[in-house]
C-alpha atoms as a PDB file:
ATOM      1  CA  MET A   1       3.030-196.811  40.042  1.00  0.00           C
ATOM      2  CA  THR A   2       3.888-200.499  40.435  1.00  0.00           C
ATOM      3  CA  ASN A   3       6.366-201.488  43.118  1.00  0.00           C
ATOM      4  CA  GLN A   4       9.444-203.022  41.450  1.00  0.00           C
ATOM      5  CA  ARG A   5       9.555-205.826  44.038  1.00  0.00           C
ATOM      6  CA  GLU A   6       6.094-207.001  42.947  1.00  0.00           C
ATOM      7  CA  LEU A   7       7.226-207.654  39.363  1.00  0.00           C
ATOM      8  CA  PRO A   8       8.338-211.086  38.150  1.00  0.00           C
ATOM      9  CA  PRO A   9      11.792-211.472  36.559  1.00  0.00           C
ATOM     10  CA  LYS A  10      12.320-209.947  33.129  1.00  0.00           C
ATOM     11  CA  THR A  11      11.860-212.314  30.179  1.00  0.00           C
ATOM     12  CA  CYS A  12      13.901-210.214  27.734  1.00  0.00           C
ATOM     13  CA  THR A  13      16.178-207.160  27.685  1.00  0.00           C
ATOM     14  CA  ILE A  14      15.267-203.507  27.264  1.00  0.00           C
ATOM     15  CA  GLU A  15      17.207-203.402  23.968  1.00  0.00           C
ATOM     16  CA  ARG A  16      14.417-205.543  22.456  1.00  0.00           C
ATOM     17  CA  LEU A  17      11.564-203.385  23.811  1.00  0.00           C
ATOM     18  CA  VAL A  18      11.126-201.171  20.715  1.00  0.00           C
ATOM     19  CA  THR A  19      12.802-202.503  17.580  1.00  0.00           C
ATOM     20  CA  MET A  20      10.538-201.965  14.555  1.00  0.00           C
ATOM     21  CA  LYS A  21      11.650-198.944  12.529  1.00  0.00           C
ATOM     22  CA  GLU A  22       8.195-197.336  12.436  1.00  0.00           C
ATOM     23  CA  ASP A  23       7.819-197.790  16.215  1.00  0.00           C
ATOM     24  CA  VAL A  24      11.258-196.264  16.855  1.00  0.00           C
ATOM     25  CA  GLN A  25      10.219-193.231  14.791  1.00  0.00           C
ATOM     26  CA  LYS A  26       6.950-192.947  16.753  1.00  0.00           C
ATOM     27  CA  VAL A  27       8.901-192.973  20.034  1.00  0.00           C
ATOM     28  CA  LEU A  28      11.394-190.381  18.763  1.00  0.00           C
ATOM     29  CA  SER A  29       8.560-188.084  17.640  1.00  0.00           C
ATOM     30  CA  GLY A  30       6.714-188.446  20.966  1.00  0.00           C
ATOM     31  CA  GLU A  31       3.775-190.213  19.322  1.00  0.00           C
ATOM     32  CA  LYS A  32       4.462-193.513  21.161  1.00  0.00           C
ATOM     33  CA  THR A  33       4.871-193.474  24.948  1.00  0.00           C
ATOM     34  CA  ALA A  34       4.197-197.126  25.776  1.00  0.00           C
ATOM     35  CA  THR A  35       4.765-200.573  24.387  1.00  0.00           C
ATOM     36  CA  ARG A  36       2.944-203.799  25.168  1.00  0.00           C
ATOM     37  CA  ARG A  37       4.788-207.109  25.053  1.00  0.00           C
ATOM     38  CA  ASN A  38       3.971-210.690  25.966  1.00  0.00           C
ATOM     39  CA  GLY A  39       6.852-210.634  28.450  1.00  0.00           C
ATOM     40  CA  ARG A  40       8.527-208.156  30.744  1.00  0.00           C
ATOM     41  CA  TYR A  41      11.413-206.405  28.959  1.00  0.00           C
ATOM     42  CA  ALA A  42      12.348-203.612  31.378  1.00  0.00           C
ATOM     43  CA  ASP A  43      12.465-202.542  34.993  1.00  0.00           C
ATOM     44  CA  ILE A  44      11.047-199.258  36.248  1.00  0.00           C
ATOM     45  CA  GLY A  45      13.814-196.671  36.022  1.00  0.00           C
ATOM     46  CA  GLU A  46      15.704-198.538  33.296  1.00  0.00           C
ATOM     47  CA  VAL A  47      16.811-196.462  30.305  1.00  0.00           C
ATOM     48  CA  MET A  48      16.175-197.374  26.659  1.00  0.00           C
ATOM     49  CA  THR A  49      18.387-195.661  24.063  1.00  0.00           C
ATOM     50  CA  LEU A  50      17.022-195.175  20.528  1.00  0.00           C
ATOM     51  CA  GLU A  51      19.164-193.434  17.924  1.00  0.00           C
ATOM     52  CA  GLY A  52      21.209-191.753  20.652  1.00  0.00           C
ATOM     53  CA  ARG A  53      18.209-190.497  22.650  1.00  0.00           C
ATOM     54  CA  ASP A  54      17.333-191.836  26.087  1.00  0.00           C
ATOM     55  CA  PHE A  55      13.894-192.809  27.363  1.00  0.00           C
ATOM     56  CA  VAL A  56      13.270-193.860  30.969  1.00  0.00           C
ATOM     57  CA  VAL A  57      10.731-196.554  31.822  1.00  0.00           C
ATOM     58  CA  GLU A  58       8.296-194.984  34.287  1.00  0.00           C
ATOM     59  CA  ASN A  59       5.868-197.836  34.854  1.00  0.00           C
ATOM     60  CA  VAL A  60       5.515-201.553  34.095  1.00  0.00           C
ATOM     61  CA  TYR A  61       2.286-203.448  34.705  1.00  0.00           C
ATOM     62  CA  SER A  62       0.156-206.311  33.427  1.00  0.00           C
ATOM     63  CA  GLN A  63      -3.015-205.655  31.431  1.00  0.00           C
ATOM     64  CA  SER A  64      -5.496-207.831  29.527  1.00  0.00           C
ATOM     65  CA  LEU A  65      -6.207-207.118  25.863  1.00  0.00           C
ATOM     66  CA  GLY A  66      -9.865-206.703  26.806  1.00  0.00           C
ATOM     67  CA  GLU A  67      -8.940-203.744  29.040  1.00  0.00           C
ATOM     68  CA  LEU A  68      -7.448-201.736  26.152  1.00  0.00           C
ATOM     69  CA  THR A  69      -9.073-198.385  25.415  1.00  0.00           C
ATOM     70  CA  ASP A  70      -8.508-195.899  22.614  1.00  0.00           C
ATOM     71  CA  ASN A  71      -6.353-193.915  25.073  1.00  0.00           C
ATOM     72  CA  HIS A  72      -4.109-196.974  25.491  1.00  0.00           C
ATOM     73  CA  ALA A  73      -3.945-197.299  21.688  1.00  0.00           C
ATOM     74  CA  LYS A  74      -2.867-193.633  21.492  1.00  0.00           C
ATOM     75  CA  GLN A  75       0.022-194.419  23.891  1.00  0.00           C
ATOM     76  CA  GLU A  76       1.070-196.986  21.290  1.00  0.00           C
ATOM     77  CA  GLY A  77       0.867-194.446  18.459  1.00  0.00           C
ATOM     78  CA  PHE A  78      -2.486-195.573  17.008  1.00  0.00           C
ATOM     79  CA  ALA A  79      -5.819-193.726  16.788  1.00  0.00           C
ATOM     80  CA  THR A  80      -8.022-196.567  18.063  1.00  0.00           C
ATOM     81  CA  VAL A  81      -7.850-200.003  19.674  1.00  0.00           C
ATOM     82  CA  GLU A  82      -9.013-201.468  16.351  1.00  0.00           C
ATOM     83  CA  ASP A  83      -6.076-199.825  14.514  1.00  0.00           C
ATOM     84  CA  TYR A  84      -3.664-201.125  17.165  1.00  0.00           C
ATOM     85  CA  LYS A  85      -5.191-204.626  17.049  1.00  0.00           C
ATOM     86  CA  ASN A  86      -4.941-204.775  13.235  1.00  0.00           C
ATOM     87  CA  ALA A  87      -1.283-203.696  13.351  1.00  0.00           C
ATOM     88  CA  ILE A  88      -0.373-206.272  16.013  1.00  0.00           C
ATOM     89  CA  LEU A  89      -2.148-209.076  14.146  1.00  0.00           C
ATOM     90  CA  SER A  90      -0.345-208.095  10.920  1.00  0.00           C
ATOM     91  CA  TYR A  91       3.032-208.372  12.752  1.00  0.00           C
ATOM     92  CA  HIS A  92       2.102-211.763  14.265  1.00  0.00           C
ATOM     93  CA  PRO A  93       0.143-213.798  11.678  1.00  0.00           C
ATOM     94  CA  GLY A  94      -1.983-216.510  13.272  1.00  0.00           C
ATOM     95  CA  MET A  95      -1.883-214.906  16.723  1.00  0.00           C
ATOM     96  CA  PRO A  96      -5.293-214.858  18.357  1.00  0.00           C
ATOM     97  CA  TRP A  97      -6.597-211.635  19.917  1.00  0.00           C
ATOM     98  CA  LEU A  98      -8.310-212.864  23.058  1.00  0.00           C
ATOM     99  CA  PRO A  99      -9.734-210.382  25.591  1.00  0.00           C
ATOM    100  CA  HIS A 100      -8.358-212.426  28.523  1.00  0.00           C
ATOM    101  CA  MET A 101      -4.787-212.569  27.118  1.00  0.00           C
ATOM    102  CA  ARG A 102      -2.419-210.580  29.347  1.00  0.00           C
ATOM    103  CA  VAL A 103       0.439-208.395  28.168  1.00  0.00           C
ATOM    104  CA  TRP A 104       3.087-206.330  29.942  1.00  0.00           C
ATOM    105  CA  VAL A 105       2.753-202.576  29.514  1.00  0.00           C
ATOM    106  CA  HIS A 106       5.983-200.558  29.548  1.00  0.00           C
ATOM    107  CA  GLU A 107       5.369-196.791  29.819  1.00  0.00           C
ATOM    108  CA  PHE A 108       8.294-194.473  29.110  1.00  0.00           C
ATOM    109  CA  ARG A 109       9.216-190.832  28.533  1.00  0.00           C
ATOM    110  CA  ALA A 110      12.136-188.948  27.027  1.00  0.00           C
ATOM    111  CA  VAL A 111      14.893-188.121  29.503  1.00  0.00           C
END
């Protein structure tokens, strides 16, 4: 697990970590246990509340898009990296998918 002191300051708030309706439903059903963002939205130990249910952030770390595996895609609620990539690119038209691009991974579990 990453040491909190090694993390840079947050760029957004935990309330913005999971906002899309279909993603909220995936979290509530246990299908989604991580979210990747271009910034850091939460600290380890911080609690996200979705529809009255709490989820604690267990780990936060940086990862490149080229490091993504199908297991990472499953954390996001998708079957494969290709499915995840297509979804992300549909949410962000014109965004490039570059293997060296880094994202912040936020892993969480139900409390």
